Every structure is written in structure tokens, then in C-alpha cells.
Amino acid sequence: MNARIRRSAVTVVAAAVLPLSLAACSDDGDSGSSDSAQAASSAPATPDDPSAGSGGDMAGTDEPFGPACSSVPQEGAGSFDGMAEDPVATAASNKQTLSTLVTAVKKAGLVDTLNNAEAITVFAPTDDAFAKIPKADLDKVLADKQMLTDILTYHVVGQKLAPKDLENGSFETLQKSKLTTSGSDEAYTVNDSAKVVCGNVKTANSNVYIIDTVLMPES
């Protein structure tokens, strides 16, 4: 009787322990997989991740920004990569929307001056910016080399400015007057009048901020 009771007890215990053992083995396998998945999900983003360190915010990168940047071709001399290979006056000549500026630079005899300068920033007015000036006034400026030189050199700062530098800045220009900048992220204004429409464009010797209004130095 006692032997039969002991055998029954052993059978019951074995029956109880076996499922627990199998469950434990199964849990161990799942745990490893779960741990791996958890480690993968918590691993830091790699440098290949375009949103790493910036939350996907383009202003946190060193890329051009602004609404007018979308019109820049993907390839060729007028693309961002193409402009980065040329000095600033040459790069501007390959940008269709800067044709009036290029004409003015040539009339003022500033092509070599700008191309040979080192580490400068150029605030480049678009053709539409020049179109805001009455034609008679613009023709007068283009015909007066000294006045034209003063206006053009007022758009050039003798150092490379990053977007962050524009947040609340005051900079001496090559014309010797100062201009001011303000804003944040992808919205910057120069002299409280000209808006940056495509900023942080790199050329071989400058950073370029394309603006929608021609800047005028104080008389």
C-alpha cells in the first residue's frame, strides 16, 4: 500500500514538473528573442539614419534650405554640387535666377575680386529682387560704376556665416557698412527687409544666402 502511494506521488510530481520544465525552456527561447528585439529597438541610430541627431529637421544639418532651393537642378554646373566646385561669381553665373546680379557684378568689374576672395558670405539678390527696383533707377545704378560697386560690396561679408550665425547678427560688409540678420531654423531676414529664400548654399570660396530684396547701404 505504501509502495503504491509512493509510486502515485512520484507520477503526480513528474506530471506537474514536466510541463513546467517545457514551459521554462520555451520561455528561455522567447526571452532571448525578446531581449534581442529590445536591444535592437533601443540601439542608437547609425550615421546612415538621415534623422539621426536631428529629428529629421533639415535646419539641424549643413544642407541648403528654403523654398527657392526646390528650383535648383539636381545635376550640372547650376546644381548644389556643381556650385560647390566653383568660386562664387562663376557659380552665380550658372544660376539662372541670378542673371541680373551676374550682369551687375561684371559691370562693376568685381568678378575677379569675388572669385579670388577667401571665406566670404554673399547675400545674393534674385532677378525678382532687382525687378522690385523701378527700371529707370536700376538703369541709373547699372550705369554708375561707383554706386554699383557700393551696393554690390554691401552684400558681401568677409567671413563664412553659418545659419546659426544669422539668428541675431551684425556684420561689417566689404563696403564697410554693417548689415543685420535675424531669425531661426529656416526663416531668416536681412536688415529687416530681405528674406532668405535659399540659404546655406556652398561655393568653393563662400557661403551664399539667396535673398528676395536688394540691400541698400546707408548713404
N, C-alpha and C. Protein backbone atom coordinates (compact mmCIF):
# COMPACT_ATOMS: atom_id res chain seq x y z
N MET A 1 0.84 -1.21 0.00
CA MET A 1 0.00 0.00 0.00
C MET A 1 0.86 1.23 0.00
N ASN A 2 1.84 1.25 0.87
CA ASN A 2 2.73 2.41 0.95
C ASN A 2 3.51 2.56 -0.35
N ALA A 3 3.93 1.43 -0.95
CA ALA A 3 4.69 1.49 -2.19
C ALA A 3 3.84 2.08 -3.31
N ARG A 4 2.53 1.63 -3.35
CA ARG A 4 1.65 2.15 -4.40
C ARG A 4 1.43 3.64 -4.22
N ILE A 5 1.30 4.12 -2.99
CA ILE A 5 1.11 5.55 -2.71
C ILE A 5 2.31 6.35 -3.16
N ARG A 6 3.55 5.77 -2.84
CA ARG A 6 4.77 6.49 -3.23
C ARG A 6 4.87 6.59 -4.74
N ARG A 7 4.51 5.45 -5.47
CA ARG A 7 4.59 5.49 -6.94
C ARG A 7 3.60 6.50 -7.51
N SER A 8 2.39 6.58 -6.94
CA SER A 8 1.40 7.55 -7.40
C SER A 8 1.88 8.97 -7.20
N ALA A 9 2.52 9.19 -6.03
CA ALA A 9 3.01 10.53 -5.71
C ALA A 9 4.08 10.95 -6.70
N VAL A 10 4.99 9.98 -7.03
CA VAL A 10 6.08 10.28 -7.98
C VAL A 10 5.49 10.63 -9.34
N THR A 11 4.46 9.84 -9.75
CA THR A 11 3.82 10.08 -11.06
C THR A 11 3.19 11.45 -11.11
N VAL A 12 2.51 11.84 -10.03
CA VAL A 12 1.85 13.16 -9.96
C VAL A 12 2.88 14.27 -10.04
N VAL A 13 3.95 14.12 -9.27
CA VAL A 13 5.00 15.15 -9.25
C VAL A 13 5.64 15.28 -10.62
N ALA A 14 5.94 14.15 -11.26
CA ALA A 14 6.56 14.16 -12.59
C ALA A 14 5.64 14.84 -13.59
N ALA A 15 4.34 14.51 -13.48
CA ALA A 15 3.37 15.10 -14.40
C ALA A 15 3.30 16.61 -14.22
N ALA A 16 3.49 17.06 -12.98
CA ALA A 16 3.43 18.50 -12.71
C ALA A 16 4.71 19.20 -13.14
N VAL A 17 5.85 18.52 -12.93
CA VAL A 17 7.15 19.15 -13.20
C VAL A 17 7.42 19.24 -14.69
N LEU A 18 7.02 18.19 -15.48
CA LEU A 18 7.35 18.16 -16.91
C LEU A 18 6.81 19.37 -17.67
N PRO A 19 5.54 19.72 -17.55
CA PRO A 19 5.05 20.91 -18.27
C PRO A 19 5.79 22.18 -17.85
N LEU A 20 6.09 22.27 -16.54
CA LEU A 20 6.81 23.45 -16.06
C LEU A 20 8.18 23.54 -16.70
N SER A 21 8.86 22.38 -16.84
CA SER A 21 10.18 22.36 -17.45
C SER A 21 10.10 22.78 -18.91
N LEU A 22 9.09 22.24 -19.63
CA LEU A 22 8.93 22.60 -21.03
C LEU A 22 8.61 24.07 -21.18
N ALA A 23 7.77 24.57 -20.28
CA ALA A 23 7.42 25.99 -20.33
C ALA A 23 8.64 26.86 -20.09
N ALA A 24 9.49 26.41 -19.15
CA ALA A 24 10.70 27.17 -18.84
C ALA A 24 11.61 27.22 -20.04
N CYS A 25 11.76 26.06 -20.75
CA CYS A 25 12.61 26.02 -21.95
C CYS A 25 12.07 26.96 -22.99
N SER A 26 10.71 26.91 -23.15
CA SER A 26 10.09 27.79 -24.14
C SER A 26 10.28 29.24 -23.78
N ASP A 27 10.16 29.57 -22.47
CA ASP A 27 10.34 30.95 -22.01
C ASP A 27 11.74 31.42 -22.27
N ASP A 28 12.73 30.51 -22.07
CA ASP A 28 14.13 30.90 -22.28
C ASP A 28 14.35 31.30 -23.73
N GLY A 29 13.77 30.53 -24.67
CA GLY A 29 13.94 30.84 -26.09
C GLY A 29 13.29 32.16 -26.42
N ASP A 30 12.07 32.38 -25.93
CA ASP A 30 11.36 33.62 -26.20
C ASP A 30 12.09 34.79 -25.58
N SER A 31 12.66 34.57 -24.40
CA SER A 31 13.36 35.64 -23.70
C SER A 31 14.54 36.12 -24.51
N GLY A 32 15.29 35.15 -25.10
CA GLY A 32 16.44 35.54 -25.91
C GLY A 32 16.01 36.37 -27.09
N SER A 33 14.90 35.90 -27.75
CA SER A 33 14.41 36.64 -28.91
C SER A 33 13.91 38.00 -28.50
N SER A 34 13.19 38.05 -27.35
CA SER A 34 12.67 39.32 -26.87
C SER A 34 13.78 40.27 -26.51
N ASP A 35 14.81 39.70 -25.85
CA ASP A 35 15.95 40.56 -25.46
C ASP A 35 16.63 41.13 -26.69
N SER A 36 16.78 40.30 -27.74
CA SER A 36 17.42 40.76 -28.97
C SER A 36 16.62 41.87 -29.61
N ALA A 37 15.29 41.66 -29.64
CA ALA A 37 14.42 42.67 -30.25
C ALA A 37 14.49 43.97 -29.46
N GLN A 38 14.50 43.82 -28.11
CA GLN A 38 14.56 45.01 -27.27
C GLN A 38 15.87 45.74 -27.47
N ALA A 39 16.98 44.98 -27.58
CA ALA A 39 18.29 45.60 -27.78
C ALA A 39 18.34 46.32 -29.12
N ALA A 40 17.72 45.69 -30.14
CA ALA A 40 17.73 46.31 -31.47
C ALA A 40 16.92 47.59 -31.47
N SER A 41 15.76 47.56 -30.76
CA SER A 41 14.91 48.74 -30.77
C SER A 41 15.50 49.87 -29.96
N SER A 42 16.35 49.53 -28.98
CA SER A 42 16.93 50.57 -28.13
C SER A 42 18.31 50.98 -28.58
N ALA A 43 18.84 50.34 -29.64
CA ALA A 43 20.18 50.68 -30.11
C ALA A 43 20.19 52.08 -30.69
N PRO A 44 21.28 52.84 -30.52
CA PRO A 44 21.34 54.19 -31.07
C PRO A 44 21.31 54.16 -32.58
N ALA A 45 20.76 55.26 -33.18
CA ALA A 45 20.68 55.34 -34.64
C ALA A 45 22.06 55.40 -35.23
N THR A 46 22.23 54.77 -36.36
CA THR A 46 23.53 54.78 -37.03
C THR A 46 23.67 56.05 -37.84
N PRO A 47 24.91 56.41 -38.25
CA PRO A 47 25.10 57.61 -39.05
C PRO A 47 24.36 57.57 -40.37
N ASP A 48 23.99 56.35 -40.86
CA ASP A 48 23.26 56.26 -42.12
C ASP A 48 21.81 56.69 -41.97
N ASP A 49 21.33 56.79 -40.74
CA ASP A 49 19.96 57.19 -40.49
C ASP A 49 19.85 58.69 -40.74
N PRO A 50 19.07 59.16 -41.74
CA PRO A 50 19.03 60.58 -42.05
C PRO A 50 18.46 61.43 -40.95
N SER A 51 17.71 60.82 -40.01
CA SER A 51 17.14 61.61 -38.93
C SER A 51 17.99 61.56 -37.68
N ALA A 52 19.10 60.85 -37.71
CA ALA A 52 19.91 60.71 -36.50
C ALA A 52 20.45 62.05 -36.06
N GLY A 53 20.21 62.37 -34.81
CA GLY A 53 20.75 63.59 -34.22
C GLY A 53 20.05 64.85 -34.64
N SER A 54 19.05 64.77 -35.54
CA SER A 54 18.42 66.00 -35.98
C SER A 54 16.90 65.92 -35.91
N GLY A 55 16.38 64.74 -35.58
CA GLY A 55 14.93 64.61 -35.53
C GLY A 55 14.30 64.84 -36.89
N GLY A 56 15.11 64.69 -37.97
CA GLY A 56 14.57 64.91 -39.30
C GLY A 56 14.52 66.37 -39.68
N ASP A 57 14.99 67.28 -38.83
CA ASP A 57 14.95 68.72 -39.08
C ASP A 57 16.12 69.11 -39.96
N MET A 58 15.84 69.59 -41.19
CA MET A 58 16.90 69.95 -42.11
C MET A 58 17.73 71.10 -41.59
N ALA A 59 17.13 71.98 -40.76
CA ALA A 59 17.88 73.11 -40.24
C ALA A 59 19.01 72.64 -39.34
N GLY A 60 18.92 71.41 -38.82
CA GLY A 60 19.97 70.89 -37.97
C GLY A 60 21.12 70.30 -38.76
N THR A 61 21.01 70.28 -40.09
CA THR A 61 22.08 69.74 -40.91
C THR A 61 22.84 70.87 -41.56
N ASP A 62 23.81 70.51 -42.42
CA ASP A 62 24.60 71.52 -43.11
C ASP A 62 24.15 71.63 -44.57
N GLU A 63 22.87 71.41 -44.82
CA GLU A 63 22.32 71.41 -46.17
C GLU A 63 21.68 72.75 -46.50
N PRO A 64 21.56 73.07 -47.80
CA PRO A 64 20.81 74.26 -48.20
C PRO A 64 19.36 74.15 -47.74
N PHE A 65 18.71 75.27 -47.52
CA PHE A 65 17.32 75.26 -47.06
C PHE A 65 16.58 76.46 -47.63
N GLY A 66 15.27 76.37 -47.65
CA GLY A 66 14.45 77.48 -48.09
C GLY A 66 13.59 77.10 -49.29
N PRO A 67 12.48 77.80 -49.49
CA PRO A 67 11.53 77.44 -50.55
C PRO A 67 12.10 77.50 -51.96
N ALA A 68 13.03 78.43 -52.22
CA ALA A 68 13.57 78.56 -53.58
C ALA A 68 14.59 77.48 -53.91
N CYS A 69 15.04 76.72 -52.92
CA CYS A 69 16.02 75.67 -53.17
C CYS A 69 15.44 74.55 -54.04
N SER A 70 14.12 74.42 -54.03
CA SER A 70 13.49 73.33 -54.80
C SER A 70 13.66 73.52 -56.30
N SER A 71 13.94 74.75 -56.73
CA SER A 71 14.09 75.02 -58.17
C SER A 71 15.51 74.75 -58.67
N VAL A 72 16.43 74.45 -57.76
CA VAL A 72 17.82 74.19 -58.16
C VAL A 72 17.90 72.82 -58.82
N PRO A 73 18.52 72.74 -60.01
CA PRO A 73 18.61 71.44 -60.70
C PRO A 73 19.41 70.42 -59.90
N GLN A 74 19.14 69.15 -60.15
CA GLN A 74 19.81 68.08 -59.41
C GLN A 74 21.23 67.84 -59.90
N GLU A 75 21.49 68.18 -61.17
CA GLU A 75 22.79 67.91 -61.76
C GLU A 75 23.27 69.11 -62.56
N GLY A 76 24.57 69.12 -62.86
CA GLY A 76 25.12 70.16 -63.72
C GLY A 76 25.76 71.29 -62.93
N ALA A 77 26.29 72.27 -63.65
CA ALA A 77 27.01 73.37 -63.02
C ALA A 77 26.13 74.21 -62.10
N GLY A 78 24.82 74.26 -62.41
CA GLY A 78 23.91 75.05 -61.59
C GLY A 78 23.31 74.32 -60.41
N SER A 79 23.68 73.06 -60.22
CA SER A 79 23.21 72.28 -59.07
C SER A 79 24.02 72.66 -57.83
N PHE A 80 23.58 72.20 -56.68
CA PHE A 80 24.33 72.49 -55.45
C PHE A 80 25.74 71.91 -55.52
N ASP A 81 25.85 70.68 -56.03
CA ASP A 81 27.17 70.06 -56.15
C ASP A 81 28.03 70.81 -57.15
N GLY A 82 27.41 71.25 -58.24
CA GLY A 82 28.16 71.99 -59.25
C GLY A 82 28.66 73.32 -58.73
N MET A 83 27.80 74.06 -58.01
CA MET A 83 28.19 75.36 -57.48
C MET A 83 29.29 75.23 -56.43
N ALA A 84 29.29 74.14 -55.71
CA ALA A 84 30.30 73.93 -54.67
C ALA A 84 31.71 73.80 -55.25
N GLU A 85 31.81 73.51 -56.54
CA GLU A 85 33.12 73.33 -57.16
C GLU A 85 33.69 74.64 -57.72
N ASP A 86 32.85 75.67 -57.86
CA ASP A 86 33.28 76.93 -58.49
C ASP A 86 33.34 78.06 -57.48
N PRO A 87 34.21 79.07 -57.71
CA PRO A 87 34.18 80.27 -56.87
C PRO A 87 32.88 81.01 -57.10
N VAL A 88 32.54 81.92 -56.21
CA VAL A 88 31.18 82.43 -56.12
C VAL A 88 30.67 83.14 -57.36
N ALA A 89 31.47 84.00 -57.99
CA ALA A 89 30.97 84.71 -59.17
C ALA A 89 30.70 83.75 -60.32
N THR A 90 31.56 82.76 -60.47
CA THR A 90 31.36 81.74 -61.51
C THR A 90 30.14 80.90 -61.19
N ALA A 91 30.00 80.51 -59.93
CA ALA A 91 28.84 79.70 -59.51
C ALA A 91 27.54 80.45 -59.77
N ALA A 92 27.52 81.76 -59.47
CA ALA A 92 26.31 82.56 -59.68
C ALA A 92 25.95 82.64 -61.15
N SER A 93 26.96 82.65 -62.03
CA SER A 93 26.69 82.74 -63.46
C SER A 93 26.01 81.49 -63.99
N ASN A 94 26.07 80.41 -63.24
CA ASN A 94 25.42 79.16 -63.63
C ASN A 94 24.02 79.02 -63.03
N LYS A 95 23.59 80.04 -62.28
CA LYS A 95 22.27 80.01 -61.64
C LYS A 95 21.36 80.99 -62.38
N GLN A 96 20.36 80.46 -63.07
CA GLN A 96 19.52 81.27 -63.94
C GLN A 96 18.83 82.42 -63.22
N THR A 97 18.42 82.22 -61.99
CA THR A 97 17.67 83.24 -61.27
C THR A 97 18.56 84.36 -60.73
N LEU A 98 19.88 84.30 -60.99
CA LEU A 98 20.81 85.33 -60.52
C LEU A 98 21.43 86.09 -61.69
N SER A 99 20.79 86.07 -62.85
CA SER A 99 21.39 86.66 -64.05
C SER A 99 21.60 88.17 -63.92
N THR A 100 20.67 88.89 -63.29
CA THR A 100 20.83 90.34 -63.13
C THR A 100 22.00 90.65 -62.21
N LEU A 101 22.13 89.87 -61.15
CA LEU A 101 23.26 90.05 -60.24
C LEU A 101 24.57 89.81 -60.97
N VAL A 102 24.63 88.79 -61.78
CA VAL A 102 25.85 88.48 -62.53
C VAL A 102 26.19 89.62 -63.48
N THR A 103 25.18 90.16 -64.16
CA THR A 103 25.41 91.31 -65.05
C THR A 103 25.96 92.49 -64.27
N ALA A 104 25.40 92.75 -63.09
CA ALA A 104 25.86 93.87 -62.26
C ALA A 104 27.29 93.66 -61.80
N VAL A 105 27.62 92.44 -61.40
CA VAL A 105 28.99 92.13 -60.95
C VAL A 105 29.99 92.36 -62.08
N LYS A 106 29.63 91.96 -63.29
CA LYS A 106 30.51 92.16 -64.44
C LYS A 106 30.68 93.65 -64.74
N LYS A 107 29.58 94.42 -64.69
CA LYS A 107 29.65 95.86 -64.96
C LYS A 107 30.51 96.59 -63.94
N ALA A 108 30.49 96.09 -62.70
CA ALA A 108 31.27 96.72 -61.64
C ALA A 108 32.72 96.25 -61.64
N GLY A 109 33.03 95.25 -62.46
CA GLY A 109 34.39 94.72 -62.51
C GLY A 109 34.78 93.95 -61.26
N LEU A 110 33.80 93.26 -60.67
CA LEU A 110 34.04 92.57 -59.40
C LEU A 110 34.17 91.06 -59.53
N VAL A 111 34.18 90.54 -60.74
CA VAL A 111 34.24 89.08 -60.91
C VAL A 111 35.49 88.50 -60.27
N ASP A 112 36.66 89.06 -60.61
CA ASP A 112 37.91 88.54 -60.05
C ASP A 112 38.00 88.78 -58.55
N THR A 113 37.50 89.93 -58.10
CA THR A 113 37.53 90.24 -56.66
C THR A 113 36.76 89.19 -55.87
N LEU A 114 35.57 88.85 -56.33
CA LEU A 114 34.76 87.87 -55.61
C LEU A 114 35.30 86.45 -55.77
N ASN A 115 35.77 86.13 -56.97
CA ASN A 115 36.28 84.77 -57.19
C ASN A 115 37.57 84.50 -56.43
N ASN A 116 38.36 85.53 -56.20
CA ASN A 116 39.65 85.35 -55.53
C ASN A 116 39.57 85.55 -54.02
N ALA A 117 38.43 86.03 -53.53
CA ALA A 117 38.27 86.23 -52.08
C ALA A 117 38.23 84.88 -51.38
N GLU A 118 38.63 84.86 -50.13
CA GLU A 118 38.61 83.63 -49.35
C GLU A 118 37.62 83.73 -48.20
N ALA A 119 36.85 82.69 -48.02
CA ALA A 119 35.95 82.56 -46.86
C ALA A 119 35.06 83.79 -46.70
N ILE A 120 34.16 83.99 -47.65
CA ILE A 120 33.23 85.11 -47.59
C ILE A 120 31.79 84.60 -47.57
N THR A 121 30.87 85.51 -47.25
CA THR A 121 29.44 85.22 -47.34
C THR A 121 28.83 86.23 -48.30
N VAL A 122 28.02 85.75 -49.22
CA VAL A 122 27.37 86.62 -50.19
C VAL A 122 25.85 86.51 -50.02
N PHE A 123 25.21 87.66 -49.85
CA PHE A 123 23.75 87.71 -49.85
C PHE A 123 23.35 88.09 -51.28
N ALA A 124 22.84 87.13 -52.01
CA ALA A 124 22.65 87.27 -53.46
C ALA A 124 21.19 87.55 -53.82
N PRO A 125 20.89 88.75 -54.29
CA PRO A 125 19.50 89.05 -54.70
C PRO A 125 19.12 88.33 -55.99
N THR A 126 17.91 87.83 -56.04
CA THR A 126 17.40 87.16 -57.23
C THR A 126 17.03 88.19 -58.30
N ASP A 127 16.75 87.70 -59.49
CA ASP A 127 16.26 88.58 -60.56
C ASP A 127 14.98 89.29 -60.12
N ASP A 128 14.11 88.56 -59.41
CA ASP A 128 12.86 89.16 -58.93
C ASP A 128 13.14 90.29 -57.93
N ALA A 129 14.21 90.14 -57.16
CA ALA A 129 14.58 91.20 -56.21
C ALA A 129 14.97 92.47 -56.95
N PHE A 130 15.77 92.33 -58.01
CA PHE A 130 16.15 93.50 -58.81
C PHE A 130 14.93 94.10 -59.53
N ALA A 131 13.97 93.23 -59.87
CA ALA A 131 12.78 93.71 -60.58
C ALA A 131 11.91 94.60 -59.70
N LYS A 132 12.10 94.56 -58.39
CA LYS A 132 11.35 95.44 -57.50
C LYS A 132 11.80 96.89 -57.63
N ILE A 133 13.01 97.09 -58.13
CA ILE A 133 13.54 98.45 -58.30
C ILE A 133 13.00 99.02 -59.62
N PRO A 134 12.45 100.22 -59.60
CA PRO A 134 11.97 100.82 -60.86
C PRO A 134 13.07 100.79 -61.92
N LYS A 135 12.69 100.49 -63.16
CA LYS A 135 13.67 100.30 -64.22
C LYS A 135 14.59 101.50 -64.40
N ALA A 136 14.04 102.70 -64.33
CA ALA A 136 14.86 103.90 -64.51
C ALA A 136 15.94 103.99 -63.42
N ASP A 137 15.56 103.64 -62.19
CA ASP A 137 16.52 103.68 -61.09
C ASP A 137 17.57 102.59 -61.25
N LEU A 138 17.14 101.41 -61.66
CA LEU A 138 18.08 100.30 -61.84
C LEU A 138 19.07 100.62 -62.97
N ASP A 139 18.57 101.18 -64.06
CA ASP A 139 19.45 101.55 -65.17
C ASP A 139 20.47 102.59 -64.72
N LYS A 140 20.05 103.50 -63.88
CA LYS A 140 20.95 104.53 -63.36
C LYS A 140 22.06 103.91 -62.52
N VAL A 141 21.68 102.95 -61.67
CA VAL A 141 22.67 102.28 -60.83
C VAL A 141 23.65 101.47 -61.68
N LEU A 142 23.12 100.75 -62.66
CA LEU A 142 23.99 99.93 -63.50
C LEU A 142 24.96 100.78 -64.33
N ALA A 143 24.60 102.03 -64.57
CA ALA A 143 25.46 102.92 -65.35
C ALA A 143 26.49 103.67 -64.50
N ASP A 144 26.32 103.59 -63.19
CA ASP A 144 27.23 104.30 -62.27
C ASP A 144 28.09 103.26 -61.55
N LYS A 145 29.31 103.09 -62.01
CA LYS A 145 30.17 102.02 -61.51
C LYS A 145 30.44 102.15 -60.01
N GLN A 146 30.66 103.36 -59.51
CA GLN A 146 30.95 103.52 -58.09
C GLN A 146 29.74 103.18 -57.23
N MET A 147 28.57 103.67 -57.65
CA MET A 147 27.34 103.37 -56.90
C MET A 147 27.07 101.87 -56.94
N LEU A 148 27.24 101.28 -58.12
CA LEU A 148 27.01 99.85 -58.26
C LEU A 148 27.96 99.04 -57.39
N THR A 149 29.22 99.45 -57.36
CA THR A 149 30.21 98.75 -56.54
C THR A 149 29.85 98.83 -55.06
N ASP A 150 29.40 100.02 -54.62
CA ASP A 150 28.99 100.19 -53.22
C ASP A 150 27.84 99.25 -52.86
N ILE A 151 26.86 99.17 -53.75
CA ILE A 151 25.69 98.33 -53.47
C ILE A 151 26.08 96.85 -53.45
N LEU A 152 26.87 96.44 -54.43
CA LEU A 152 27.23 95.02 -54.52
C LEU A 152 28.13 94.58 -53.37
N THR A 153 29.12 95.40 -53.03
CA THR A 153 30.02 95.01 -51.93
C THR A 153 29.32 95.07 -50.57
N TYR A 154 28.18 95.79 -50.52
CA TYR A 154 27.38 95.80 -49.29
C TYR A 154 26.72 94.44 -49.06
N HIS A 155 26.64 93.63 -50.10
CA HIS A 155 26.03 92.30 -49.99
C HIS A 155 27.05 91.22 -49.61
N VAL A 156 28.29 91.63 -49.32
CA VAL A 156 29.35 90.65 -49.06
C VAL A 156 29.95 90.88 -47.68
N VAL A 157 30.05 89.80 -46.90
CA VAL A 157 30.67 89.83 -45.57
C VAL A 157 31.96 89.04 -45.65
N GLY A 158 33.00 89.54 -45.01
CA GLY A 158 34.32 88.94 -45.13
C GLY A 158 34.58 87.74 -44.25
N GLN A 159 33.59 86.92 -44.03
CA GLN A 159 33.74 85.66 -43.29
C GLN A 159 32.60 84.75 -43.69
N LYS A 160 32.81 83.44 -43.52
CA LYS A 160 31.74 82.49 -43.82
C LYS A 160 30.77 82.44 -42.64
N LEU A 161 29.50 82.69 -42.92
CA LEU A 161 28.48 82.68 -41.89
C LEU A 161 27.62 81.43 -42.02
N ALA A 162 27.52 80.69 -40.93
CA ALA A 162 26.62 79.53 -40.87
C ALA A 162 25.22 80.03 -40.53
N PRO A 163 24.18 79.24 -40.82
CA PRO A 163 22.82 79.69 -40.49
C PRO A 163 22.66 80.15 -39.05
N LYS A 164 23.28 79.47 -38.12
CA LYS A 164 23.14 79.85 -36.71
C LYS A 164 23.69 81.25 -36.45
N ASP A 165 24.70 81.66 -37.23
CA ASP A 165 25.27 82.99 -37.06
C ASP A 165 24.27 84.09 -37.40
N LEU A 166 23.26 83.75 -38.18
CA LEU A 166 22.29 84.75 -38.64
C LEU A 166 21.17 85.00 -37.64
N GLU A 167 21.12 84.23 -36.56
CA GLU A 167 19.98 84.32 -35.65
C GLU A 167 19.82 85.72 -35.05
N ASN A 168 20.91 86.35 -34.73
CA ASN A 168 20.85 87.73 -34.20
C ASN A 168 22.21 88.36 -34.45
N GLY A 169 22.48 88.69 -35.72
CA GLY A 169 23.83 89.09 -36.09
C GLY A 169 23.94 90.51 -36.61
N SER A 170 25.15 91.03 -36.52
CA SER A 170 25.50 92.33 -37.08
C SER A 170 26.90 92.18 -37.66
N PHE A 171 27.05 92.42 -38.97
CA PHE A 171 28.30 92.11 -39.64
C PHE A 171 28.75 93.28 -40.53
N GLU A 172 30.05 93.53 -40.50
CA GLU A 172 30.60 94.54 -41.39
C GLU A 172 30.74 93.95 -42.79
N THR A 173 30.36 94.71 -43.78
CA THR A 173 30.43 94.25 -45.16
C THR A 173 31.71 94.77 -45.81
N LEU A 174 31.98 94.28 -47.03
CA LEU A 174 33.15 94.77 -47.76
C LEU A 174 33.00 96.25 -48.12
N GLN A 175 31.78 96.74 -48.12
CA GLN A 175 31.52 98.15 -48.40
C GLN A 175 31.81 99.01 -47.16
N LYS A 176 32.05 98.35 -46.02
CA LYS A 176 32.41 98.97 -44.73
C LYS A 176 31.20 99.40 -43.89
N SER A 177 29.98 99.26 -44.44
CA SER A 177 28.79 99.48 -43.61
C SER A 177 28.38 98.15 -43.00
N LYS A 178 27.51 98.20 -42.01
CA LYS A 178 27.05 96.97 -41.37
C LYS A 178 25.66 96.59 -41.85
N LEU A 179 25.43 95.28 -41.90
CA LEU A 179 24.09 94.75 -42.12
C LEU A 179 23.72 93.89 -40.92
N THR A 180 22.43 93.71 -40.71
CA THR A 180 21.96 92.92 -39.58
C THR A 180 21.15 91.73 -40.07
N THR A 181 21.15 90.68 -39.28
CA THR A 181 20.38 89.49 -39.62
C THR A 181 19.60 89.02 -38.40
N SER A 182 18.49 88.35 -38.64
CA SER A 182 17.70 87.81 -37.53
C SER A 182 16.89 86.62 -38.03
N GLY A 183 16.41 85.82 -37.09
CA GLY A 183 15.59 84.66 -37.43
C GLY A 183 16.07 83.40 -36.76
N SER A 184 15.53 82.27 -37.19
CA SER A 184 15.90 80.97 -36.64
C SER A 184 15.43 79.88 -37.59
N ASP A 185 15.93 78.65 -37.36
CA ASP A 185 15.55 77.49 -38.17
C ASP A 185 15.78 77.79 -39.65
N GLU A 186 14.71 77.85 -40.43
CA GLU A 186 14.85 78.09 -41.87
C GLU A 186 14.26 79.44 -42.28
N ALA A 187 14.05 80.33 -41.34
CA ALA A 187 13.44 81.63 -41.62
C ALA A 187 14.37 82.75 -41.14
N TYR A 188 15.06 83.39 -42.09
CA TYR A 188 16.00 84.45 -41.75
C TYR A 188 15.70 85.71 -42.57
N THR A 189 15.95 86.86 -41.95
CA THR A 189 15.74 88.15 -42.60
C THR A 189 17.01 88.97 -42.47
N VAL A 190 17.31 89.73 -43.52
CA VAL A 190 18.48 90.60 -43.54
C VAL A 190 17.98 92.05 -43.54
N ASN A 191 18.51 92.86 -42.62
CA ASN A 191 18.11 94.27 -42.49
C ASN A 191 16.60 94.44 -42.34
N ASP A 192 15.95 93.46 -41.74
CA ASP A 192 14.50 93.51 -41.51
C ASP A 192 13.69 93.70 -42.78
N SER A 193 14.28 93.42 -43.93
CA SER A 193 13.54 93.63 -45.18
C SER A 193 13.69 92.49 -46.18
N ALA A 194 14.88 91.94 -46.29
CA ALA A 194 15.13 90.89 -47.29
C ALA A 194 15.03 89.51 -46.64
N LYS A 195 14.24 88.65 -47.23
CA LYS A 195 14.08 87.30 -46.70
C LYS A 195 15.01 86.34 -47.44
N VAL A 196 15.60 85.42 -46.69
CA VAL A 196 16.43 84.38 -47.29
C VAL A 196 15.49 83.34 -47.90
N VAL A 197 15.59 83.15 -49.23
CA VAL A 197 14.71 82.19 -49.89
C VAL A 197 15.41 80.87 -50.21
N CYS A 198 16.73 80.89 -50.19
CA CYS A 198 17.51 79.65 -50.31
C CYS A 198 18.85 79.91 -49.64
N GLY A 199 19.06 79.30 -48.51
CA GLY A 199 20.23 79.63 -47.71
C GLY A 199 21.23 78.51 -47.57
N ASN A 200 22.42 78.87 -47.12
CA ASN A 200 23.50 77.93 -46.86
C ASN A 200 23.93 77.18 -48.12
N VAL A 201 23.97 77.90 -49.24
CA VAL A 201 24.45 77.33 -50.50
C VAL A 201 25.96 77.49 -50.53
N LYS A 202 26.67 76.40 -50.78
CA LYS A 202 28.13 76.43 -50.72
C LYS A 202 28.73 76.63 -52.12
N THR A 203 29.72 77.50 -52.21
CA THR A 203 30.57 77.56 -53.40
C THR A 203 31.99 77.26 -52.92
N ALA A 204 32.94 77.27 -53.85
CA ALA A 204 34.30 76.89 -53.47
C ALA A 204 34.90 77.85 -52.45
N ASN A 205 34.44 79.10 -52.43
CA ASN A 205 35.07 80.08 -51.51
C ASN A 205 34.06 80.86 -50.67
N SER A 206 32.79 80.43 -50.66
CA SER A 206 31.81 81.23 -49.92
C SER A 206 30.61 80.41 -49.47
N ASN A 207 29.86 81.02 -48.56
CA ASN A 207 28.50 80.58 -48.26
C ASN A 207 27.57 81.63 -48.86
N VAL A 208 26.54 81.18 -49.54
CA VAL A 208 25.62 82.09 -50.23
C VAL A 208 24.23 81.97 -49.63
N TYR A 209 23.60 83.13 -49.40
CA TYR A 209 22.21 83.19 -48.97
C TYR A 209 21.46 83.99 -50.02
N ILE A 210 20.60 83.33 -50.76
CA ILE A 210 19.85 83.99 -51.83
C ILE A 210 18.66 84.71 -51.20
N ILE A 211 18.52 86.01 -51.53
CA ILE A 211 17.51 86.85 -50.87
C ILE A 211 16.54 87.45 -51.89
N ASP A 212 15.38 87.89 -51.39
CA ASP A 212 14.32 88.36 -52.28
C ASP A 212 14.25 89.87 -52.44
N THR A 213 15.22 90.60 -51.85
CA THR A 213 15.23 92.07 -51.93
C THR A 213 16.66 92.56 -52.00
N VAL A 214 16.91 93.56 -52.83
CA VAL A 214 18.25 94.15 -52.93
C VAL A 214 18.50 95.00 -51.68
N LEU A 215 19.66 94.81 -51.08
CA LEU A 215 20.04 95.59 -49.88
C LEU A 215 20.67 96.92 -50.31
N MET A 216 20.32 97.97 -49.60
CA MET A 216 20.87 99.29 -49.91
C MET A 216 21.65 99.82 -48.70
N PRO A 217 22.93 100.14 -48.92
CA PRO A 217 23.73 100.69 -47.81
C PRO A 217 23.23 102.09 -47.45
N GLU A 218 23.46 102.47 -46.21
CA GLU A 218 23.07 103.82 -45.81
C GLU A 218 23.97 104.81 -46.53
N SER A 219 23.39 105.93 -46.92
CA SER A 219 24.17 106.95 -47.64
C SER A 219 25.20 107.58 -46.72
